PDB file of N, CA and C in Angstrom:
ATOM      1  N   GLN A   1     -33.147 -83.254  41.022  1.00  0.00           N
ATOM      2  CA  GLN A   1     -34.794 -82.966  40.752  1.00  0.00           C
ATOM      3  C   GLN A   1     -35.278 -84.158  40.914  1.00  0.00           C
ATOM      4  N   VAL A   2     -36.507 -84.280  41.543  1.00  0.00           N
ATOM      5  CA  VAL A   2     -37.426 -85.153  41.924  1.00  0.00           C
ATOM      6  C   VAL A   2     -38.425 -85.572  40.587  1.00  0.00           C
ATOM      7  N   HIS A   3     -38.465 -86.754  40.240  1.00  0.00           N
ATOM      8  CA  HIS A   3     -39.628 -87.053  39.087  1.00  0.00           C
ATOM      9  C   HIS A   3     -40.175 -88.091  39.668  1.00  0.00           C
ATOM     10  N   LEU A   4     -41.503 -88.037  39.572  1.00  0.00           N
ATOM     11  CA  LEU A   4     -42.540 -89.078  39.825  1.00  0.00           C
ATOM     12  C   LEU A   4     -43.193 -89.585  38.732  1.00  0.00           C
ATOM     13  N   VAL A   5     -42.907 -90.964  38.263  1.00  0.00           N
ATOM     14  CA  VAL A   5     -44.059 -91.204  37.182  1.00  0.00           C
ATOM     15  C   VAL A   5     -44.883 -92.589  37.313  1.00  0.00           C
ATOM     16  N   GLU A   6     -46.222 -92.359  37.194  1.00  0.00           N
ATOM     17  CA  GLU A   6     -47.121 -93.171  37.609  1.00  0.00           C
ATOM     18  C   GLU A   6     -47.357 -94.251  36.094  1.00  0.00           C
ATOM     19  N   SER A   7     -47.843 -95.384  36.648  1.00  0.00           N
ATOM     20  CA  SER A   7     -48.422 -96.469  35.725  1.00  0.00           C
ATOM     21  C   SER A   7     -49.351 -97.290  36.237  1.00  0.00           C
ATOM     22  N   GLY A   8     -50.118 -97.930  35.454  1.00  0.00           N
ATOM     23  CA  GLY A   8     -51.109 -98.960  35.889  1.00  0.00           C
ATOM     24  C   GLY A   8     -52.553 -98.650  35.797  1.00  0.00           C
ATOM     25  N   GLY A   9     -52.799 -97.524  35.565  1.00  0.00           N
ATOM     26  CA  GLY A   9     -54.369 -97.112  35.249  1.00  0.00           C
ATOM     27  C   GLY A   9     -54.824 -97.868  33.883  1.00  0.00           C
ATOM     28  N   GLY A  10     -56.278 -97.630  33.907  1.00  0.00           N
ATOM     29  CA  GLY A  10     -56.985 -98.386  33.064  1.00  0.00           C
ATOM     30  C   GLY A  10     -58.384 -98.491  33.167  1.00  0.00           C
ATOM     31  N   LEU A  11     -59.198 -99.125  32.321  1.00  0.00           N
ATOM     32  CA  LEU A  11     -60.572 -99.466  32.422  1.00  0.00           C
ATOM     33  C   LEU A  11     -60.658-100.620  32.946  1.00  0.00           C
ATOM     34  N   VAL A  12     -61.513-100.808  34.122  1.00  0.00           N
ATOM     35  CA  VAL A  12     -61.618-102.186  34.932  1.00  0.00           C
ATOM     36  C   VAL A  12     -63.294-102.024  35.402  1.00  0.00           C
ATOM     37  N   LYS A  13     -63.798-103.022  35.242  1.00  0.00           N
ATOM     38  CA  LYS A  13     -65.057-103.265  35.633  1.00  0.00           C
ATOM     39  C   LYS A  13     -65.457-103.498  37.243  1.00  0.00           C
ATOM     40  N   PRO A  14     -66.671-102.923  37.457  1.00  0.00           N
ATOM     41  CA  PRO A  14     -66.876-103.007  38.903  1.00  0.00           C
ATOM     42  C   PRO A  14     -66.614-104.355  39.686  1.00  0.00           C
ATOM     43  N   GLY A  15     -65.765-104.113  40.891  1.00  0.00           N
ATOM     44  CA  GLY A  15     -65.291-105.492  41.487  1.00  0.00           C
ATOM     45  C   GLY A  15     -64.150-105.874  41.289  1.00  0.00           C
ATOM     46  N   GLY A  16     -63.470-105.255  40.287  1.00  0.00           N
ATOM     47  CA  GLY A  16     -62.196-105.789  39.647  1.00  0.00           C
ATOM     48  C   GLY A  16     -61.207-105.125  40.331  1.00  0.00           C
ATOM     49  N   SER A  17     -59.781-105.052  39.682  1.00  0.00           N
ATOM     50  CA  SER A  17     -58.725-104.644  40.624  1.00  0.00           C
ATOM     51  C   SER A  17     -57.664-104.221  39.608  1.00  0.00           C
ATOM     52  N   LEU A  18     -56.955-103.492  40.251  1.00  0.00           N
ATOM     53  CA  LEU A  18     -55.828-102.845  39.475  1.00  0.00           C
ATOM     54  C   LEU A  18     -54.751-102.271  40.653  1.00  0.00           C
ATOM     55  N   ARG A  19     -53.713-102.200  39.675  1.00  0.00           N
ATOM     56  CA  ARG A  19     -52.281-101.913  40.503  1.00  0.00           C
ATOM     57  C   ARG A  19     -51.670-100.796  40.083  1.00  0.00           C
ATOM     58  N   LEU A  20     -51.717 -99.613  40.933  1.00  0.00           N
ATOM     59  CA  LEU A  20     -50.639 -98.515  40.243  1.00  0.00           C
ATOM     60  C   LEU A  20     -49.469 -98.510  40.931  1.00  0.00           C
ATOM     61  N   SER A  21     -48.558 -98.113  40.161  1.00  0.00           N
ATOM     62  CA  SER A  21     -47.097 -98.065  40.636  1.00  0.00           C
ATOM     63  C   SER A  21     -46.609 -96.580  40.360  1.00  0.00           C
ATOM     64  N   CYS A  22     -45.758 -96.200  41.200  1.00  0.00           N
ATOM     65  CA  CYS A  22     -45.013 -94.886  41.091  1.00  0.00           C
ATOM     66  C   CYS A  22     -43.659 -94.993  41.371  1.00  0.00           C
ATOM     67  N   VAL A  23     -42.805 -94.672  40.276  1.00  0.00           N
ATOM     68  CA  VAL A  23     -41.366 -94.564  40.223  1.00  0.00           C
ATOM     69  C   VAL A  23     -40.751 -93.509  40.791  1.00  0.00           C
ATOM     70  N   VAL A  24     -40.237 -93.180  41.701  1.00  0.00           N
ATOM     71  CA  VAL A  24     -39.577 -91.912  42.274  1.00  0.00           C
ATOM     72  C   VAL A  24     -37.971 -91.836  41.969  1.00  0.00           C
ATOM     73  N   SER A  25     -37.710 -91.092  41.070  1.00  0.00           N
ATOM     74  CA  SER A  25     -36.112 -90.680  40.644  1.00  0.00           C
ATOM     75  C   SER A  25     -35.714 -89.574  41.345  1.00  0.00           C
ATOM     76  N   GLY A  26     -34.601 -89.325  41.133  1.00  0.00           N
ATOM     77  CA  GLY A  26     -33.888 -87.953  41.478  1.00  0.00           C
ATOM     78  C   GLY A  26     -33.174 -88.207  42.953  1.00  0.00           C
ATOM     79  N   GLY A  27     -33.737 -88.914  43.561  1.00  0.00           N
ATOM     80  CA  GLY A  27     -33.081 -88.950  45.134  1.00  0.00           C
ATOM     81  C   GLY A  27     -33.702 -87.757  46.028  1.00  0.00           C
ATOM     82  N   PHE A  28     -33.575 -88.050  47.072  1.00  0.00           N
ATOM     83  CA  PHE A  28     -34.080 -87.149  48.187  1.00  0.00           C
ATOM     84  C   PHE A  28     -33.826 -87.599  49.661  1.00  0.00           C
ATOM     85  N   TYR A  29     -34.054 -86.809  50.648  1.00  0.00           N
ATOM     86  CA  TYR A  29     -33.301 -87.133  52.116  1.00  0.00           C
ATOM     87  C   TYR A  29     -34.106 -86.175  52.978  1.00  0.00           C
ATOM     88  N   GLY A  30     -34.322 -86.654  54.122  1.00  0.00           N
ATOM     89  CA  GLY A  30     -35.022 -86.347  55.195  1.00  0.00           C
ATOM     90  C   GLY A  30     -36.434 -86.807  55.288  1.00  0.00           C
ATOM     91  N   ALA A  31     -37.207 -86.106  56.298  1.00  0.00           N
ATOM     92  CA  ALA A  31     -38.804 -86.720  56.548  1.00  0.00           C
ATOM     93  C   ALA A  31     -39.283 -86.589  55.451  1.00  0.00           C
ATOM     94  N   PHE A  32     -40.282 -87.603  55.088  1.00  0.00           N
ATOM     95  CA  PHE A  32     -41.071 -87.379  53.995  1.00  0.00           C
ATOM     96  C   PHE A  32     -42.343 -88.005  54.037  1.00  0.00           C
ATOM     97  N   THR A  33     -43.529 -87.737  53.242  1.00  0.00           N
ATOM     98  CA  THR A  33     -44.852 -88.772  53.252  1.00  0.00           C
ATOM     99  C   THR A  33     -44.920 -88.789  51.537  1.00  0.00           C
ATOM    100  N   MET A  34     -45.095 -90.036  51.358  1.00  0.00           N
ATOM    101  CA  MET A  34     -45.284 -90.270  49.916  1.00  0.00           C
ATOM    102  C   MET A  34     -46.708 -91.089  49.812  1.00  0.00           C
ATOM    103  N   GLY A  35     -47.340 -90.971  48.645  1.00  0.00           N
ATOM    104  CA  GLY A  35     -48.563 -91.670  48.765  1.00  0.00           C
ATOM    105  C   GLY A  35     -49.390 -91.380  47.226  1.00  0.00           C
ATOM    106  N   TRP A  36     -50.588 -91.586  47.316  1.00  0.00           N
ATOM    107  CA  TRP A  36     -51.693 -91.316  46.261  1.00  0.00           C
ATOM    108  C   TRP A  36     -52.652 -90.813  46.516  1.00  0.00           C
ATOM    109  N   TYR A  37     -53.090 -89.660  45.599  1.00  0.00           N
ATOM    110  CA  TYR A  37     -54.315 -88.956  45.589  1.00  0.00           C
ATOM    111  C   TYR A  37     -55.006 -89.017  44.445  1.00  0.00           C
ATOM    112  N   ARG A  38     -56.370 -88.723  44.696  1.00  0.00           N
ATOM    113  CA  ARG A  38     -57.234 -88.595  43.279  1.00  0.00           C
ATOM    114  C   ARG A  38     -57.956 -87.568  43.068  1.00  0.00           C
ATOM    115  N   GLN A  39     -58.347 -87.405  41.796  1.00  0.00           N
ATOM    116  CA  GLN A  39     -59.195 -86.274  41.559  1.00  0.00           C
ATOM    117  C   GLN A  39     -60.146 -86.770  40.596  1.00  0.00           C
ATOM    118  N   ALA A  40     -61.634 -86.798  40.923  1.00  0.00           N
ATOM    119  CA  ALA A  40     -62.666 -86.959  40.116  1.00  0.00           C
ATOM    120  C   ALA A  40     -63.231 -85.895  39.340  1.00  0.00           C
ATOM    121  N   PRO A  41     -63.874 -85.800  38.286  1.00  0.00           N
ATOM    122  CA  PRO A  41     -64.185 -84.549  37.670  1.00  0.00           C
ATOM    123  C   PRO A  41     -65.305 -83.871  38.557  1.00  0.00           C
ATOM    124  N   GLY A  42     -64.861 -82.505  38.652  1.00  0.00           N
ATOM    125  CA  GLY A  42     -65.674 -81.644  39.302  1.00  0.00           C
ATOM    126  C   GLY A  42     -65.375 -81.616  40.981  1.00  0.00           C
ATOM    127  N   LYS A  43     -64.401 -82.443  41.148  1.00  0.00           N
ATOM    128  CA  LYS A  43     -64.213 -82.522  42.488  1.00  0.00           C
ATOM    129  C   LYS A  43     -62.840 -82.096  42.903  1.00  0.00           C
ATOM    130  N   GLN A  44     -62.636 -81.980  44.091  1.00  0.00           N
ATOM    131  CA  GLN A  44     -61.067 -81.779  44.711  1.00  0.00           C
ATOM    132  C   GLN A  44     -60.310 -82.841  44.823  1.00  0.00           C
ATOM    133  N   ARG A  45     -58.956 -82.731  44.677  1.00  0.00           N
ATOM    134  CA  ARG A  45     -58.215 -83.695  44.972  1.00  0.00           C
ATOM    135  C   ARG A  45     -57.873 -84.224  46.356  1.00  0.00           C
ATOM    136  N   GLU A  46     -58.200 -85.448  46.570  1.00  0.00           N
ATOM    137  CA  GLU A  46     -58.219 -85.857  47.831  1.00  0.00           C
ATOM    138  C   GLU A  46     -57.278 -87.201  48.105  1.00  0.00           C
ATOM    139  N   LEU A  47     -56.916 -87.182  49.352  1.00  0.00           N
ATOM    140  CA  LEU A  47     -55.909 -88.154  49.647  1.00  0.00           C
ATOM    141  C   LEU A  47     -56.623 -89.703  49.614  1.00  0.00           C
ATOM    142  N   VAL A  48     -55.831 -90.773  48.829  1.00  0.00           N
ATOM    143  CA  VAL A  48     -56.107 -91.877  48.994  1.00  0.00           C
ATOM    144  C   VAL A  48     -55.508 -92.849  49.960  1.00  0.00           C
ATOM    145  N   ALA A  49     -54.080 -92.746  50.258  1.00  0.00           N
ATOM    146  CA  ALA A  49     -53.389 -93.358  51.073  1.00  0.00           C
ATOM    147  C   ALA A  49     -51.733 -92.747  51.239  1.00  0.00           C
ATOM    148  N   SER A  50     -51.316 -92.774  52.127  1.00  0.00           N
ATOM    149  CA  SER A  50     -49.709 -92.423  52.380  1.00  0.00           C
ATOM    150  C   SER A  50     -49.187 -92.981  53.353  1.00  0.00           C
ATOM    151  N   ILE A  51     -47.777 -93.020  53.203  1.00  0.00           N
ATOM    152  CA  ILE A  51     -46.645 -93.488  53.871  1.00  0.00           C
ATOM    153  C   ILE A  51     -45.766 -92.623  54.171  1.00  0.00           C
ATOM    154  N   GLY A  52     -45.366 -92.564  55.575  1.00  0.00           N
ATOM    155  CA  GLY A  52     -44.281 -91.767  56.086  1.00  0.00           C
ATOM    156  C   GLY A  52     -42.888 -92.453  56.100  1.00  0.00           C
ATOM    157  N   SER A  53     -42.027 -91.508  56.411  1.00  0.00           N
ATOM    158  CA  SER A  53     -40.602 -92.066  56.403  1.00  0.00           C
ATOM    159  C   SER A  53     -40.397 -92.887  57.481  1.00  0.00           C
ATOM    160  N   SER A  54     -41.268 -93.012  58.514  1.00  0.00           N
ATOM    161  CA  SER A  54     -41.258 -93.877  59.438  1.00  0.00           C
ATOM    162  C   SER A  54     -41.996 -95.400  59.535  1.00  0.00           C
ATOM    163  N   ASN A  55     -42.753 -95.202  58.195  1.00  0.00           N
ATOM    164  CA  ASN A  55     -43.626 -96.344  57.619  1.00  0.00           C
ATOM    165  C   ASN A  55     -44.762 -96.318  58.257  1.00  0.00           C
ATOM    166  N   GLU A  56     -45.326 -95.128  58.613  1.00  0.00           N
ATOM    167  CA  GLU A  56     -46.801 -94.881  59.501  1.00  0.00           C
ATOM    168  C   GLU A  56     -47.606 -94.873  57.993  1.00  0.00           C
ATOM    169  N   LEU A  57     -48.712 -95.746  57.927  1.00  0.00           N
ATOM    170  CA  LEU A  57     -49.758 -95.790  56.959  1.00  0.00           C
ATOM    171  C   LEU A  57     -50.853 -95.114  57.349  1.00  0.00           C
ATOM    172  N   ASN A  58     -51.538 -94.423  56.274  1.00  0.00           N
ATOM    173  CA  ASN A  58     -52.654 -93.422  56.581  1.00  0.00           C
ATOM    174  C   ASN A  58     -53.517 -93.687  55.255  1.00  0.00           C
ATOM    175  N   TYR A  59     -54.582 -94.388  55.506  1.00  0.00           N
ATOM    176  CA  TYR A  59     -55.516 -94.494  54.429  1.00  0.00           C
ATOM    177  C   TYR A  59     -56.723 -93.490  54.760  1.00  0.00           C
ATOM    178  N   ALA A  60     -57.625 -93.308  53.522  1.00  0.00           N
ATOM    179  CA  ALA A  60     -58.776 -92.538  53.516  1.00  0.00           C
ATOM    180  C   ALA A  60     -59.870 -93.504  53.892  1.00  0.00           C
ATOM    181  N   ASP A  61     -60.974 -93.362  54.666  1.00  0.00           N
ATOM    182  CA  ASP A  61     -62.180 -93.831  54.786  1.00  0.00           C
ATOM    183  C   ASP A  61     -62.347 -94.904  53.669  1.00  0.00           C
ATOM    184  N   PHE A  62     -62.659 -94.414  52.506  1.00  0.00           N
ATOM    185  CA  PHE A  62     -63.008 -95.148  51.570  1.00  0.00           C
ATOM    186  C   PHE A  62     -62.204 -96.233  50.872  1.00  0.00           C
ATOM    187  N   ALA A  63     -60.741 -95.877  51.143  1.00  0.00           N
ATOM    188  CA  ALA A  63     -59.737 -96.902  50.793  1.00  0.00           C
ATOM    189  C   ALA A  63     -59.577 -97.982  51.709  1.00  0.00           C
ATOM    190  N   ARG A  64     -59.795 -97.751  52.948  1.00  0.00           N
ATOM    191  CA  ARG A  64     -59.542 -98.610  54.045  1.00  0.00           C
ATOM    192  C   ARG A  64     -59.992-100.177  53.640  1.00  0.00           C
ATOM    193  N   GLY A  65     -59.182-101.283  53.705  1.00  0.00           N
ATOM    194  CA  GLY A  65     -60.099-102.375  53.485  1.00  0.00           C
ATOM    195  C   GLY A  65     -60.091-102.879  51.990  1.00  0.00           C
ATOM    196  N   ARG A  66     -60.094-101.980  51.076  1.00  0.00           N
ATOM    197  CA  ARG A  66     -60.140-102.236  49.742  1.00  0.00           C
ATOM    198  C   ARG A  66     -58.773-101.966  49.090  1.00  0.00           C
ATOM    199  N   PHE A  67     -58.048-100.927  49.396  1.00  0.00           N
ATOM    200  CA  PHE A  67     -56.821-100.685  48.921  1.00  0.00           C
ATOM    201  C   PHE A  67     -55.656-100.810  49.844  1.00  0.00           C
ATOM    202  N   THR A  68     -54.319-101.157  49.361  1.00  0.00           N
ATOM    203  CA  THR A  68     -53.380-101.153  49.935  1.00  0.00           C
ATOM    204  C   THR A  68     -52.139-100.584  49.234  1.00  0.00           C
ATOM    205  N   LEU A  69     -51.532-100.029  50.284  1.00  0.00           N
ATOM    206  CA  LEU A  69     -50.195 -99.081  49.952  1.00  0.00           C
ATOM    207  C   LEU A  69     -49.160 -99.794  50.535  1.00  0.00           C
ATOM    208  N   SER A  70     -48.078 -99.744  49.262  1.00  0.00           N
ATOM    209  CA  SER A  70     -46.699-100.433  49.578  1.00  0.00           C
ATOM    210  C   SER A  70     -45.670 -99.612  49.037  1.00  0.00           C
ATOM    211  N   ARG A  71     -44.305 -99.919  49.846  1.00  0.00           N
ATOM    212  CA  ARG A  71     -43.208 -99.088  49.180  1.00  0.00           C
ATOM    213  C   ARG A  71     -42.097-100.284  49.311  1.00  0.00           C
ATOM    214  N   ASP A  72     -41.307 -99.946  48.148  1.00  0.00           N
ATOM    215  CA  ASP A  72     -40.425-100.844  47.888  1.00  0.00           C
ATOM    216  C   ASP A  72     -39.146 -99.930  48.018  1.00  0.00           C
ATOM    217  N   TYR A  73     -38.348-100.122  49.136  1.00  0.00           N
ATOM    218  CA  TYR A  73     -37.190 -99.066  49.211  1.00  0.00           C
ATOM    219  C   TYR A  73     -36.180 -99.299  48.314  1.00  0.00           C
ATOM    220  N   ALA A  74     -35.865-100.389  47.846  1.00  0.00           N
ATOM    221  CA  ALA A  74     -34.889-100.779  46.837  1.00  0.00           C
ATOM    222  C   ALA A  74     -34.976-100.077  45.234  1.00  0.00           C
ATOM    223  N   ALA A  75     -36.424-100.441  44.997  1.00  0.00           N
ATOM    224  CA  ALA A  75     -36.641 -99.705  43.602  1.00  0.00           C
ATOM    225  C   ALA A  75     -37.121 -98.329  43.889  1.00  0.00           C
ATOM    226  N   ASN A  76     -37.456 -97.762  44.835  1.00  0.00           N
ATOM    227  CA  ASN A  76     -37.813 -96.607  45.132  1.00  0.00           C
ATOM    228  C   ASN A  76     -39.193 -96.309  44.307  1.00  0.00           C
ATOM    229  N   THR A  77     -40.095 -97.240  44.717  1.00  0.00           N
ATOM    230  CA  THR A  77     -41.545 -97.318  44.239  1.00  0.00           C
ATOM    231  C   THR A  77     -42.565 -97.058  45.379  1.00  0.00           C
ATOM    232  N   VAL A  78     -43.495 -96.632  45.108  1.00  0.00           N
ATOM    233  CA  VAL A  78     -44.712 -96.763  45.909  1.00  0.00           C
ATOM    234  C   VAL A  78     -45.801 -97.188  44.983  1.00  0.00           C
ATOM    235  N   ASP A  79     -46.559 -98.308  45.258  1.00  0.00           N
ATOM    236  CA  ASP A  79     -47.462 -98.898  44.643  1.00  0.00           C
ATOM    237  C   ASP A  79     -48.956 -99.021  45.336  1.00  0.00           C
ATOM    238  N   LEU A  80     -50.061 -99.059  44.926  1.00  0.00           N
ATOM    239  CA  LEU A  80     -51.196 -98.950  45.385  1.00  0.00           C
ATOM    240  C   LEU A  80     -52.214-100.056  44.701  1.00  0.00           C
ATOM    241  N   GLN A  81     -52.370-101.084  45.396  1.00  0.00           N
ATOM    242  CA  GLN A  81     -53.422-102.290  44.935  1.00  0.00           C
ATOM    243  C   GLN A  81     -54.603-101.889  45.255  1.00  0.00           C
ATOM    244  N   MET A  82     -55.393-101.854  44.290  1.00  0.00           N
ATOM    245  CA  MET A  82     -56.954-101.426  44.589  1.00  0.00           C
ATOM    246  C   MET A  82     -57.630-102.661  44.165  1.00  0.00           C
ATOM    247  N   ASN A  83     -58.517-103.300  44.913  1.00  0.00           N
ATOM    248  CA  ASN A  83     -59.441-104.272  45.027  1.00  0.00           C
ATOM    249  C   ASN A  83     -60.817-103.922  45.009  1.00  0.00           C
ATOM    250  N   SER A  84     -61.834-104.750  44.693  1.00  0.00           N
ATOM    251  CA  SER A  84     -63.176-104.309  44.693  1.00  0.00           C
ATOM    252  C   SER A  84     -63.616-102.758  44.362  1.00  0.00           C
ATOM    253  N   LEU A  85     -63.272-102.647  43.439  1.00  0.00           N
ATOM    254  CA  LEU A  85     -63.157-101.032  42.796  1.00  0.00           C
ATOM    255  C   LEU A  85     -64.737-100.881  42.423  1.00  0.00           C
ATOM    256  N   LYS A  86     -65.149 -99.684  42.677  1.00  0.00           N
ATOM    257  CA  LYS A  86     -66.691 -98.969  42.390  1.00  0.00           C
ATOM    258  C   LYS A  86     -66.430 -98.070  41.220  1.00  0.00           C
ATOM    259  N   PRO A  87     -67.537 -97.667  40.860  1.00  0.00           N
ATOM    260  CA  PRO A  87     -67.560 -96.562  39.715  1.00  0.00           C
ATOM    261  C   PRO A  87     -67.273 -95.460  40.409  1.00  0.00           C
ATOM    262  N   GLU A  88     -67.416 -95.166  41.656  1.00  0.00           N
ATOM    263  CA  GLU A  88     -67.054 -93.862  42.227  1.00  0.00           C
ATOM    264  C   GLU A  88     -65.730 -93.924  42.437  1.00  0.00           C
ATOM    265  N   ASP A  89     -64.709 -94.922  42.134  1.00  0.00           N
ATOM    266  CA  ASP A  89     -63.435 -94.748  42.450  1.00  0.00           C
ATOM    267  C   ASP A  89     -62.656 -94.329  41.210  1.00  0.00           C
ATOM    268  N   THR A  90     -63.839 -94.042  39.943  1.00  0.00           N
ATOM    269  CA  THR A  90     -63.196 -93.339  38.870  1.00  0.00           C
ATOM    270  C   THR A  90     -62.369 -91.995  38.882  1.00  0.00           C
ATOM    271  N   ALA A  91     -61.470 -91.926  38.693  1.00  0.00           N
ATOM    272  CA  ALA A  91     -60.709 -90.504  38.829  1.00  0.00           C
ATOM    273  C   ALA A  91     -59.229 -90.479  38.226  1.00  0.00           C
ATOM    274  N   VAL A  92     -58.831 -89.161  38.162  1.00  0.00           N
ATOM    275  CA  VAL A  92     -57.258 -89.338  37.797  1.00  0.00           C
ATOM    276  C   VAL A  92     -56.350 -89.664  39.080  1.00  0.00           C
ATOM    277  N   TYR A  93     -55.604 -90.663  39.245  1.00  0.00           N
ATOM    278  CA  TYR A  93     -54.888 -91.085  40.368  1.00  0.00           C
ATOM    279  C   TYR A  93     -53.438 -90.431  40.145  1.00  0.00           C
ATOM    280  N   TYR A  94     -53.203 -89.758  41.376  1.00  0.00           N
ATOM    281  CA  TYR A  94     -51.642 -89.052  41.407  1.00  0.00           C
ATOM    282  C   TYR A  94     -50.650 -89.604  42.308  1.00  0.00           C
ATOM    283  N   CYS A  95     -49.517 -89.535  42.026  1.00  0.00           N
ATOM    284  CA  CYS A  95     -48.646 -90.099  43.027  1.00  0.00           C
ATOM    285  C   CYS A  95     -48.088 -88.661  43.644  1.00  0.00           C
ATOM    286  N   ASN A  96     -47.728 -88.640  44.656  1.00  0.00           N
ATOM    287  CA  ASN A  96     -47.165 -87.493  45.609  1.00  0.00           C
ATOM    288  C   ASN A  96     -46.204 -87.711  46.510  1.00  0.00           C
ATOM    289  N   LEU A  97     -45.185 -86.739  46.728  1.00  0.00           N
ATOM    290  CA  LEU A  97     -44.162 -86.795  47.523  1.00  0.00           C
ATOM    291  C   LEU A  97     -44.194 -85.393  48.334  1.00  0.00           C
ATOM    292  N   GLU A  98     -44.030 -85.343  49.560  1.00  0.00           N
ATOM    293  CA  GLU A  98     -43.726 -84.233  50.125  1.00  0.00           C
ATOM    294  C   GLU A  98     -42.746 -84.363  51.254  1.00  0.00           C
ATOM    295  N   LEU A  99     -41.803 -83.457  50.960  1.00  0.00           N
ATOM    296  CA  LEU A  99     -40.719 -83.279  51.540  1.00  0.00           C
ATOM    297  C   LEU A  99     -40.397 -82.238  52.679  1.00  0.00           C
ATOM    298  N   TYR A 100     -40.263 -82.615  53.803  1.00  0.00           N
ATOM    299  CA  TYR A 100     -40.430 -81.413  54.877  1.00  0.00           C
ATOM    300  C   TYR A 100     -39.180 -80.940  55.055  1.00  0.00           C
ATOM    301  N   LEU A 101     -38.093 -81.396  54.786  1.00  0.00           N
ATOM    302  CA  LEU A 101     -36.865 -80.749  55.221  1.00  0.00           C
ATOM    303  C   LEU A 101     -36.618 -79.248  54.056  1.00  0.00           C
ATOM    304  N   THR A 102     -37.206 -79.625  52.600  1.00  0.00           N
ATOM    305  CA  THR A 102     -37.144 -78.470  51.875  1.00  0.00           C
ATOM    306  C   THR A 102     -38.429 -78.041  51.511  1.00  0.00           C
ATOM    307  N   ARG A 103     -39.494 -78.460  52.467  1.00  0.00           N
ATOM    308  CA  ARG A 103     -40.782 -78.070  52.020  1.00  0.00           C
ATOM    309  C   ARG A 103     -41.469 -78.099  50.789  1.00  0.00           C
ATOM    310  N   SER A 104     -41.133 -78.809  50.112  1.00  0.00           N
ATOM    311  CA  SER A 104     -41.445 -79.121  48.712  1.00  0.00           C
ATOM    312  C   SER A 104     -42.509 -80.277  48.407  1.00  0.00           C
ATOM    313  N   THR A 105     -43.459 -79.858  47.589  1.00  0.00           N
ATOM    314  CA  THR A 105     -44.351 -80.893  47.205  1.00  0.00           C
ATOM    315  C   THR A 105     -44.243 -81.393  45.536  1.00  0.00           C
ATOM    316  N   HIS A 106     -44.123 -82.614  45.572  1.00  0.00           N
ATOM    317  CA  HIS A 106     -44.147 -83.134  44.082  1.00  0.00           C
ATOM    318  C   HIS A 106     -44.890 -84.185  43.413  1.00  0.00           C
ATOM    319  N   TRP A 107     -45.381 -83.957  42.532  1.00  0.00           N
ATOM    320  CA  TRP A 107     -46.558 -84.672  41.831  1.00  0.00           C
ATOM    321  C   TRP A 107     -46.213 -85.249  40.691  1.00  0.00           C
ATOM    322  N   GLY A 108     -46.703 -86.541  40.327  1.00  0.00           N
ATOM    323  CA  GLY A 108     -46.615 -87.287  39.057  1.00  0.00           C
ATOM    324  C   GLY A 108     -47.554 -86.590  38.041  1.00  0.00           C
ATOM    325  N   GLN A 109     -47.550 -87.251  36.861  1.00  0.00           N
ATOM    326  CA  GLN A 109     -48.623 -86.587  35.762  1.00  0.00           C
ATOM    327  C   GLN A 109     -49.839 -87.104  35.922  1.00  0.00           C
ATOM    328  N   GLY A 110     -50.127 -87.961  36.667  1.00  0.00           N
ATOM    329  CA  GLY A 110     -51.416 -88.670  37.004  1.00  0.00           C
ATOM    330  C   GLY A 110     -51.810 -89.825  35.955  1.00  0.00           C
ATOM    331  N   THR A 111     -52.416 -90.770  36.401  1.00  0.00           N
ATOM    332  CA  THR A 111     -53.039 -91.928  35.660  1.00  0.00           C
ATOM    333  C   THR A 111     -54.716 -91.942  35.865  1.00  0.00           C
ATOM    334  N   GLN A 112     -55.083 -92.310  34.645  1.00  0.00           N
ATOM    335  CA  GLN A 112     -56.721 -92.329  34.619  1.00  0.00           C
ATOM    336  C   GLN A 112     -57.158 -93.583  34.975  1.00  0.00           C
ATOM    337  N   VAL A 113     -57.973 -93.879  36.058  1.00  0.00           N
ATOM    338  CA  VAL A 113     -58.700 -95.180  36.452  1.00  0.00           C
ATOM    339  C   VAL A 113     -60.216 -95.098  36.102  1.00  0.00           C
ATOM    340  N   THR A 114     -60.655 -95.797  35.416  1.00  0.00           N
ATOM    341  CA  THR A 114     -62.345 -95.839  35.023  1.00  0.00           C
ATOM    342  C   THR A 114     -62.567 -97.229  35.313  1.00  0.00           C
ATOM    343  N   VAL A 115     -63.680 -97.081  36.186  1.00  0.00           N
ATOM    344  CA  VAL A 115     -64.377 -98.280  36.928  1.00  0.00           C
ATOM    345  C   VAL A 115     -65.844 -98.154  36.034  1.00  0.00           C
ATOM    346  N   SER A 116     -65.970 -99.049  35.357  1.00  0.00           N
ATOM    347  CA  SER A 116     -67.294 -99.202  34.711  1.00  0.00           C
ATOM    348  C   SER A 116     -67.616-100.502  34.004  1.00  0.00           C
ATOM    349  N   SER A 117     -69.104-100.710  33.751  1.00  0.00           N
ATOM    350  CA  SER A 117     -69.302-101.888  33.202  1.00  0.00           C
ATOM    351  C   SER A 117     -69.465-101.892  31.754  1.00  0.00           C
TER     352      SER A 117
END
């Protein structure tokens, strides 16, 4: 059973930085995409950034240049470094894992990020 556990959310002032971390446990195999989504109140969940099993990176337009996704293969973590945060980045951020062989989607419990002065 795959489990995703996020950490690192919190309250930060505009212009500040946060680093989110997601630990993936339980093991998996085959092609995959893992990354981060976010959902602000009253809005749909949206992709922030993802990395594929061939290390291809994908960023949402709002994240490009400010956010950096990285994966630690040994620790099986995927981190999101967020810089130059804006109030509109306020949302619950979710770690995501898509497994193509089993056609399954896995989510973490979410971590709140609030950007406010």
